[in-house]
Amino acid sequence: MKKKTFEESLQNLELLVRRLEEEDLSLEESLKAFEEGVKLSKFCAKKLDEAQQKVEILLKDQDDNLQPAPLEITERGEEEI
């Protein structure tokens, strides 16, 4: 079984959201899609938390002071430094 990646999970989540918004699904289909979306969302959040922890470790200086660079989120959701 192939290990899922953050990018694949996020893409699948986006497809599920689009499907829920655009298609006329039955209640059962909607609940199933929503349940899968919750699982994907939790997986993505976990991966983002792990990435944040790694970044914080890499940004610590020798005295254990965290020196993060400020990030700004643009309208398209892309990060700018």
PDB file of N, CA and C in Angstrom:
ATOM      1  N   MET A   1       0.840  -1.188   0.000  1.00  0.00           N
ATOM      2  CA  MET A   1       0.000   0.000   0.000  1.00  0.00           C
ATOM      3  C   MET A   1       0.882   1.248   0.000  1.00  0.00           C
ATOM      4  N   LYS A   2       0.596   2.176  -0.870  1.00  0.00           N
ATOM      5  CA  LYS A   2       1.373   3.396  -1.010  1.00  0.00           C
ATOM      6  C   LYS A   2       1.068   4.344   0.141  1.00  0.00           C
ATOM      7  N   LYS A   3       2.114   4.919   0.708  1.00  0.00           N
ATOM      8  CA  LYS A   3       1.963   5.884   1.787  1.00  0.00           C
ATOM      9  C   LYS A   3       1.429   7.186   1.201  1.00  0.00           C
ATOM     10  N   LYS A   4       0.380   7.733   1.800  1.00  0.00           N
ATOM     11  CA  LYS A   4      -0.191   8.964   1.258  1.00  0.00           C
ATOM     12  C   LYS A   4       0.638  10.166   1.675  1.00  0.00           C
ATOM     13  N   THR A   5       0.667  11.136   0.817  1.00  0.00           N
ATOM     14  CA  THR A   5       1.428  12.350   1.074  1.00  0.00           C
ATOM     15  C   THR A   5       0.475  13.483   1.445  1.00  0.00           C
ATOM     16  N   PHE A   6       1.048  14.542   1.986  1.00  0.00           N
ATOM     17  CA  PHE A   6       0.264  15.729   2.308  1.00  0.00           C
ATOM     18  C   PHE A   6      -0.402  16.272   1.044  1.00  0.00           C
ATOM     19  N   GLU A   7       0.383  16.393  -0.020  1.00  0.00           N
ATOM     20  CA  GLU A   7      -0.139  16.970  -1.260  1.00  0.00           C
ATOM     21  C   GLU A   7      -1.298  16.162  -1.833  1.00  0.00           C
ATOM     22  N   GLU A   8      -1.165  14.843  -1.834  1.00  0.00           N
ATOM     23  CA  GLU A   8      -2.247  13.990  -2.336  1.00  0.00           C
ATOM     24  C   GLU A   8      -3.489  14.113  -1.459  1.00  0.00           C
ATOM     25  N   SER A   9      -3.274  14.150  -0.156  1.00  0.00           N
ATOM     26  CA  SER A   9      -4.401  14.257   0.771  1.00  0.00           C
ATOM     27  C   SER A   9      -5.114  15.591   0.615  1.00  0.00           C
ATOM     28  N   LEU A  10      -4.353  16.661   0.471  1.00  0.00           N
ATOM     29  CA  LEU A  10      -4.950  17.980   0.289  1.00  0.00           C
ATOM     30  C   LEU A  10      -5.739  18.036  -1.022  1.00  0.00           C
ATOM     31  N   GLN A  11      -5.177  17.459  -2.068  1.00  0.00           N
ATOM     32  CA  GLN A  11      -5.878  17.433  -3.359  1.00  0.00           C
ATOM     33  C   GLN A  11      -7.181  16.639  -3.239  1.00  0.00           C
ATOM     34  N   ASN A  12      -7.133  15.496  -2.557  1.00  0.00           N
ATOM     35  CA  ASN A  12      -8.342  14.697  -2.358  1.00  0.00           C
ATOM     36  C   ASN A  12      -9.376  15.446  -1.531  1.00  0.00           C
ATOM     37  N   LEU A  13      -8.919  16.187  -0.541  1.00  0.00           N
ATOM     38  CA  LEU A  13      -9.823  16.982   0.287  1.00  0.00           C
ATOM     39  C   LEU A  13     -10.492  18.066  -0.558  1.00  0.00           C
ATOM     40  N   GLU A  14      -9.722  18.718  -1.398  1.00  0.00           N
ATOM     41  CA  GLU A  14     -10.286  19.742  -2.277  1.00  0.00           C
ATOM     42  C   GLU A  14     -11.325  19.148  -3.229  1.00  0.00           C
ATOM     43  N   LEU A  15     -11.053  17.964  -3.745  1.00  0.00           N
ATOM     44  CA  LEU A  15     -12.015  17.295  -4.627  1.00  0.00           C
ATOM     45  C   LEU A  15     -13.298  16.939  -3.882  1.00  0.00           C
ATOM     46  N   LEU A  16     -13.159  16.484  -2.645  1.00  0.00           N
ATOM     47  CA  LEU A  16     -14.341  16.160  -1.839  1.00  0.00           C
ATOM     48  C   LEU A  16     -15.188  17.394  -1.573  1.00  0.00           C
ATOM     49  N   VAL A  17     -14.544  18.490  -1.246  1.00  0.00           N
ATOM     50  CA  VAL A  17     -15.270  19.734  -0.989  1.00  0.00           C
ATOM     51  C   VAL A  17     -16.012  20.167  -2.240  1.00  0.00           C
ATOM     52  N   ARG A  18     -15.321  20.131  -3.364  1.00  0.00           N
ATOM     53  CA  ARG A  18     -15.954  20.506  -4.632  1.00  0.00           C
ATOM     54  C   ARG A  18     -17.147  19.597  -4.928  1.00  0.00           C
ATOM     55  N   ARG A  19     -16.975  18.308  -4.666  1.00  0.00           N
ATOM     56  CA  ARG A  19     -18.058  17.345  -4.905  1.00  0.00           C
ATOM     57  C   ARG A  19     -19.255  17.650  -4.011  1.00  0.00           C
ATOM     58  N   LEU A  20     -18.995  17.954  -2.752  1.00  0.00           N
ATOM     59  CA  LEU A  20     -20.082  18.278  -1.833  1.00  0.00           C
ATOM     60  C   LEU A  20     -20.793  19.564  -2.238  1.00  0.00           C
ATOM     61  N   GLU A  21     -20.051  20.523  -2.753  1.00  0.00           N
ATOM     62  CA  GLU A  21     -20.635  21.807  -3.144  1.00  0.00           C
ATOM     63  C   GLU A  21     -21.400  21.734  -4.457  1.00  0.00           C
ATOM     64  N   GLU A  22     -20.903  20.941  -5.401  1.00  0.00           N
ATOM     65  CA  GLU A  22     -21.438  20.991  -6.759  1.00  0.00           C
ATOM     66  C   GLU A  22     -22.410  19.869  -7.098  1.00  0.00           C
ATOM     67  N   GLU A  23     -22.301  18.742  -6.447  1.00  0.00           N
ATOM     68  CA  GLU A  23     -23.141  17.609  -6.803  1.00  0.00           C
ATOM     69  C   GLU A  23     -24.340  17.502  -5.872  1.00  0.00           C
ATOM     70  N   ASP A  24     -25.402  16.932  -6.404  1.00  0.00           N
ATOM     71  CA  ASP A  24     -26.601  16.690  -5.614  1.00  0.00           C
ATOM     72  C   ASP A  24     -26.502  15.277  -5.034  1.00  0.00           C
ATOM     73  N   LEU A  25     -25.847  15.184  -3.871  1.00  0.00           N
ATOM     74  CA  LEU A  25     -25.592  13.886  -3.258  1.00  0.00           C
ATOM     75  C   LEU A  25     -26.710  13.515  -2.295  1.00  0.00           C
ATOM     76  N   SER A  26     -26.893  12.240  -2.132  1.00  0.00           N
ATOM     77  CA  SER A  26     -27.840  11.775  -1.125  1.00  0.00           C
ATOM     78  C   SER A  26     -27.257  12.043   0.252  1.00  0.00           C
ATOM     79  N   LEU A  27     -28.087  11.930   1.269  1.00  0.00           N
ATOM     80  CA  LEU A  27     -27.619  12.145   2.629  1.00  0.00           C
ATOM     81  C   LEU A  27     -26.511  11.155   2.964  1.00  0.00           C
ATOM     82  N   GLU A  28     -26.676   9.925   2.598  1.00  0.00           N
ATOM     83  CA  GLU A  28     -25.670   8.887   2.877  1.00  0.00           C
ATOM     84  C   GLU A  28     -24.349   9.192   2.171  1.00  0.00           C
ATOM     85  N   GLU A  29     -24.418   9.587   0.912  1.00  0.00           N
ATOM     86  CA  GLU A  29     -23.209   9.934   0.168  1.00  0.00           C
ATOM     87  C   GLU A  29     -22.525  11.174   0.762  1.00  0.00           C
ATOM     88  N   SER A  30     -23.333  12.142   1.160  1.00  0.00           N
ATOM     89  CA  SER A  30     -22.786  13.357   1.771  1.00  0.00           C
ATOM     90  C   SER A  30     -22.076  13.037   3.081  1.00  0.00           C
ATOM     91  N   LEU A  31     -22.688  12.209   3.903  1.00  0.00           N
ATOM     92  CA  LEU A  31     -22.073  11.842   5.176  1.00  0.00           C
ATOM     93  C   LEU A  31     -20.776  11.070   4.977  1.00  0.00           C
ATOM     94  N   LYS A  32     -20.767  10.188   3.998  1.00  0.00           N
ATOM     95  CA  LYS A  32     -19.556   9.419   3.706  1.00  0.00           C
ATOM     96  C   LYS A  32     -18.437  10.352   3.228  1.00  0.00           C
ATOM     97  N   ALA A  33     -18.776  11.271   2.337  1.00  0.00           N
ATOM     98  CA  ALA A  33     -17.787  12.224   1.828  1.00  0.00           C
ATOM     99  C   ALA A  33     -17.297  13.136   2.955  1.00  0.00           C
ATOM    100  N   PHE A  34     -18.214  13.568   3.822  1.00  0.00           N
ATOM    101  CA  PHE A  34     -17.837  14.422   4.940  1.00  0.00           C
ATOM    102  C   PHE A  34     -16.900  13.687   5.890  1.00  0.00           C
ATOM    103  N   GLU A  35     -17.205  12.433   6.180  1.00  0.00           N
ATOM    104  CA  GLU A  35     -16.357  11.626   7.061  1.00  0.00           C
ATOM    105  C   GLU A  35     -14.952  11.483   6.486  1.00  0.00           C
ATOM    106  N   GLU A  36     -14.858  11.219   5.209  1.00  0.00           N
ATOM    107  CA  GLU A  36     -13.558  11.113   4.555  1.00  0.00           C
ATOM    108  C   GLU A  36     -12.834  12.451   4.594  1.00  0.00           C
ATOM    109  N   GLY A  37     -13.577  13.542   4.404  1.00  0.00           N
ATOM    110  CA  GLY A  37     -12.989  14.865   4.462  1.00  0.00           C
ATOM    111  C   GLY A  37     -12.416  15.189   5.834  1.00  0.00           C
ATOM    112  N   VAL A  38     -13.108  14.774   6.877  1.00  0.00           N
ATOM    113  CA  VAL A  38     -12.616  14.997   8.240  1.00  0.00           C
ATOM    114  C   VAL A  38     -11.310  14.233   8.449  1.00  0.00           C
ATOM    115  N   LYS A  39     -11.258  13.001   7.976  1.00  0.00           N
ATOM    116  CA  LYS A  39     -10.031  12.203   8.107  1.00  0.00           C
ATOM    117  C   LYS A  39      -8.866  12.857   7.359  1.00  0.00           C
ATOM    118  N   LEU A  40      -9.136  13.306   6.137  1.00  0.00           N
ATOM    119  CA  LEU A  40      -8.097  13.959   5.341  1.00  0.00           C
ATOM    120  C   LEU A  40      -7.647  15.259   5.989  1.00  0.00           C
ATOM    121  N   SER A  41      -8.594  16.013   6.515  1.00  0.00           N
ATOM    122  CA  SER A  41      -8.273  17.272   7.175  1.00  0.00           C
ATOM    123  C   SER A  41      -7.376  17.039   8.390  1.00  0.00           C
ATOM    124  N   LYS A  42      -7.694  16.037   9.185  1.00  0.00           N
ATOM    125  CA  LYS A  42      -6.875  15.719  10.365  1.00  0.00           C
ATOM    126  C   LYS A  42      -5.473  15.273   9.953  1.00  0.00           C
ATOM    127  N   PHE A  43      -5.389  14.474   8.893  1.00  0.00           N
ATOM    128  CA  PHE A  43      -4.088  14.022   8.399  1.00  0.00           C
ATOM    129  C   PHE A  43      -3.246  15.214   7.952  1.00  0.00           C
ATOM    130  N   CYS A  44      -3.869  16.126   7.188  1.00  0.00           N
ATOM    131  CA  CYS A  44      -3.147  17.310   6.702  1.00  0.00           C
ATOM    132  C   CYS A  44      -2.702  18.195   7.860  1.00  0.00           C
ATOM    133  N   ALA A  45      -3.572  18.380   8.846  1.00  0.00           N
ATOM    134  CA  ALA A  45      -3.221  19.195  10.002  1.00  0.00           C
ATOM    135  C   ALA A  45      -2.051  18.578  10.759  1.00  0.00           C
ATOM    136  N   LYS A  46      -2.045  17.259  10.881  1.00  0.00           N
ATOM    137  CA  LYS A  46      -0.946  16.567  11.566  1.00  0.00           C
ATOM    138  C   LYS A  46       0.368  16.770  10.813  1.00  0.00           C
ATOM    139  N   LYS A  47       0.320  16.635   9.495  1.00  0.00           N
ATOM    140  CA  LYS A  47       1.529  16.822   8.685  1.00  0.00           C
ATOM    141  C   LYS A  47       2.041  18.265   8.769  1.00  0.00           C
ATOM    142  N   LEU A  48       1.129  19.234   8.798  1.00  0.00           N
ATOM    143  CA  LEU A  48       1.540  20.626   8.928  1.00  0.00           C
ATOM    144  C   LEU A  48       2.168  20.882  10.299  1.00  0.00           C
ATOM    145  N   ASP A  49       1.599  20.287  11.339  1.00  0.00           N
ATOM    146  CA  ASP A  49       2.180  20.414  12.681  1.00  0.00           C
ATOM    147  C   ASP A  49       3.582  19.828  12.725  1.00  0.00           C
ATOM    148  N   GLU A  50       3.754  18.661  12.101  1.00  0.00           N
ATOM    149  CA  GLU A  50       5.077  18.031  12.068  1.00  0.00           C
ATOM    150  C   GLU A  50       6.084  18.916  11.320  1.00  0.00           C
ATOM    151  N   ALA A  51       5.645  19.489  10.219  1.00  0.00           N
ATOM    152  CA  ALA A  51       6.532  20.366   9.445  1.00  0.00           C
ATOM    153  C   ALA A  51       6.892  21.607  10.261  1.00  0.00           C
ATOM    154  N   GLN A  52       5.922  22.167  10.976  1.00  0.00           N
ATOM    155  CA  GLN A  52       6.183  23.335  11.805  1.00  0.00           C
ATOM    156  C   GLN A  52       7.203  23.004  12.894  1.00  0.00           C
ATOM    157  N   GLN A  53       7.078  21.843  13.505  1.00  0.00           N
ATOM    158  CA  GLN A  53       8.028  21.435  14.541  1.00  0.00           C
ATOM    159  C   GLN A  53       9.438  21.313  13.966  1.00  0.00           C
ATOM    160  N   LYS A  54       9.548  20.743  12.767  1.00  0.00           N
ATOM    161  CA  LYS A  54      10.861  20.613  12.132  1.00  0.00           C
ATOM    162  C   LYS A  54      11.463  21.980  11.827  1.00  0.00           C
ATOM    163  N   VAL A  55      10.641  22.897  11.341  1.00  0.00           N
ATOM    164  CA  VAL A  55      11.115  24.249  11.031  1.00  0.00           C
ATOM    165  C   VAL A  55      11.596  24.929  12.305  1.00  0.00           C
ATOM    166  N   GLU A  56      10.831  24.786  13.379  1.00  0.00           N
ATOM    167  CA  GLU A  56      11.228  25.405  14.642  1.00  0.00           C
ATOM    168  C   GLU A  56      12.559  24.848  15.140  1.00  0.00           C
ATOM    169  N   ILE A  57      12.762  23.554  14.990  1.00  0.00           N
ATOM    170  CA  ILE A  57      14.036  22.940  15.388  1.00  0.00           C
ATOM    171  C   ILE A  57      15.174  23.511  14.546  1.00  0.00           C
ATOM    172  N   LEU A  58      14.946  23.653  13.248  1.00  0.00           N
ATOM    173  CA  LEU A  58      15.987  24.166  12.367  1.00  0.00           C
ATOM    174  C   LEU A  58      16.292  25.640  12.617  1.00  0.00           C
ATOM    175  N   LEU A  59      15.311  26.387  13.113  1.00  0.00           N
ATOM    176  CA  LEU A  59      15.504  27.820  13.320  1.00  0.00           C
ATOM    177  C   LEU A  59      16.058  28.169  14.696  1.00  0.00           C
ATOM    178  N   LYS A  60      16.143  27.195  15.581  1.00  0.00           N
ATOM    179  CA  LYS A  60      16.683  27.481  16.909  1.00  0.00           C
ATOM    180  C   LYS A  60      18.167  27.801  16.799  1.00  0.00           C
ATOM    181  N   ASP A  61      18.565  28.828  17.541  1.00  0.00           N
ATOM    182  CA  ASP A  61      19.984  29.147  17.547  1.00  0.00           C
ATOM    183  C   ASP A  61      20.685  28.340  18.635  1.00  0.00           C
ATOM    184  N   GLN A  62      21.938  28.579  18.842  1.00  0.00           N
ATOM    185  CA  GLN A  62      22.728  27.790  19.783  1.00  0.00           C
ATOM    186  C   GLN A  62      22.254  27.942  21.220  1.00  0.00           C
ATOM    187  N   ASP A  63      21.580  29.018  21.542  1.00  0.00           N
ATOM    188  CA  ASP A  63      21.097  29.244  22.898  1.00  0.00           C
ATOM    189  C   ASP A  63      19.650  28.790  23.074  1.00  0.00           C
ATOM    190  N   ASP A  64      19.142  28.000  22.159  1.00  0.00           N
ATOM    191  CA  ASP A  64      17.761  27.501  22.176  1.00  0.00           C
ATOM    192  C   ASP A  64      16.711  28.600  22.048  1.00  0.00           C
ATOM    193  N   ASN A  65      17.085  29.707  21.453  1.00  0.00           N
ATOM    194  CA  ASN A  65      16.122  30.764  21.183  1.00  0.00           C
ATOM    195  C   ASN A  65      15.556  30.568  19.790  1.00  0.00           C
ATOM    196  N   LEU A  66      14.260  30.544  19.713  1.00  0.00           N
ATOM    197  CA  LEU A  66      13.600  30.368  18.420  1.00  0.00           C
ATOM    198  C   LEU A  66      13.614  31.702  17.681  1.00  0.00           C
ATOM    199  N   GLN A  67      14.077  31.682  16.446  1.00  0.00           N
ATOM    200  CA  GLN A  67      14.167  32.886  15.629  1.00  0.00           C
ATOM    201  C   GLN A  67      13.404  32.682  14.319  1.00  0.00           C
ATOM    202  N   PRO A  68      12.075  32.581  14.379  1.00  0.00           N
ATOM    203  CA  PRO A  68      11.328  32.349  13.138  1.00  0.00           C
ATOM    204  C   PRO A  68      11.258  33.584  12.269  1.00  0.00           C
ATOM    205  N   ALA A  69      11.199  33.356  10.974  1.00  0.00           N
ATOM    206  CA  ALA A  69      11.009  34.446  10.028  1.00  0.00           C
ATOM    207  C   ALA A  69       9.506  34.678   9.906  1.00  0.00           C
ATOM    208  N   PRO A  70       9.047  35.920   9.877  1.00  0.00           N
ATOM    209  CA  PRO A  70       7.609  36.182   9.767  1.00  0.00           C
ATOM    210  C   PRO A  70       7.091  35.742   8.402  1.00  0.00           C
ATOM    211  N   LEU A  71       5.929  35.139   8.403  1.00  0.00           N
ATOM    212  CA  LEU A  71       5.278  34.711   7.169  1.00  0.00           C
ATOM    213  C   LEU A  71       4.000  35.500   6.981  1.00  0.00           C
ATOM    214  N   GLU A  72       3.725  35.871   5.747  1.00  0.00           N
ATOM    215  CA  GLU A  72       2.478  36.532   5.422  1.00  0.00           C
ATOM    216  C   GLU A  72       1.749  35.665   4.407  1.00  0.00           C
ATOM    217  N   ILE A  73       0.463  35.490   4.609  1.00  0.00           N
ATOM    218  CA  ILE A  73      -0.350  34.683   3.700  1.00  0.00           C
ATOM    219  C   ILE A  73      -1.006  35.614   2.687  1.00  0.00           C
ATOM    220  N   THR A  74      -0.823  35.310   1.411  1.00  0.00           N
ATOM    221  CA  THR A  74      -1.433  36.121   0.358  1.00  0.00           C
ATOM    222  C   THR A  74      -2.867  35.663   0.142  1.00  0.00           C
ATOM    223  N   GLU A  75      -3.572  36.342  -0.720  1.00  0.00           N
ATOM    224  CA  GLU A  75      -4.963  35.988  -1.003  1.00  0.00           C
ATOM    225  C   GLU A  75      -5.101  34.591  -1.587  1.00  0.00           C
ATOM    226  N   ARG A  76      -4.097  34.133  -2.303  1.00  0.00           N
ATOM    227  CA  ARG A  76      -4.154  32.801  -2.906  1.00  0.00           C
ATOM    228  C   ARG A  76      -3.712  31.726  -1.933  1.00  0.00           C
ATOM    229  N   GLY A  77      -3.367  32.097  -0.711  1.00  0.00           N
ATOM    230  CA  GLY A  77      -2.967  31.118   0.283  1.00  0.00           C
ATOM    231  C   GLY A  77      -1.500  30.747   0.232  1.00  0.00           C
ATOM    232  N   GLU A  78      -0.713  31.462  -0.578  1.00  0.00           N
ATOM    233  CA  GLU A  78       0.703  31.170  -0.676  1.00  0.00           C
ATOM    234  C   GLU A  78       1.447  31.961   0.374  1.00  0.00           C
ATOM    235  N   GLU A  79       2.498  31.384   0.901  1.00  0.00           N
ATOM    236  CA  GLU A  79       3.285  32.050   1.936  1.00  0.00           C
ATOM    237  C   GLU A  79       4.329  32.946   1.305  1.00  0.00           C
ATOM    238  N   GLU A  80       4.521  34.102   1.930  1.00  0.00           N
ATOM    239  CA  GLU A  80       5.567  35.019   1.508  1.00  0.00           C
ATOM    240  C   GLU A  80       6.444  35.298   2.703  1.00  0.00           C
ATOM    241  N   ILE A  81       7.732  35.378   2.480  1.00  0.00           N
ATOM    242  CA  ILE A  81       8.670  35.685   3.562  1.00  0.00           C
ATOM    243  C   ILE A  81       9.142  37.107   3.416  1.00  0.00           C
TER     244      ILE A  81
END
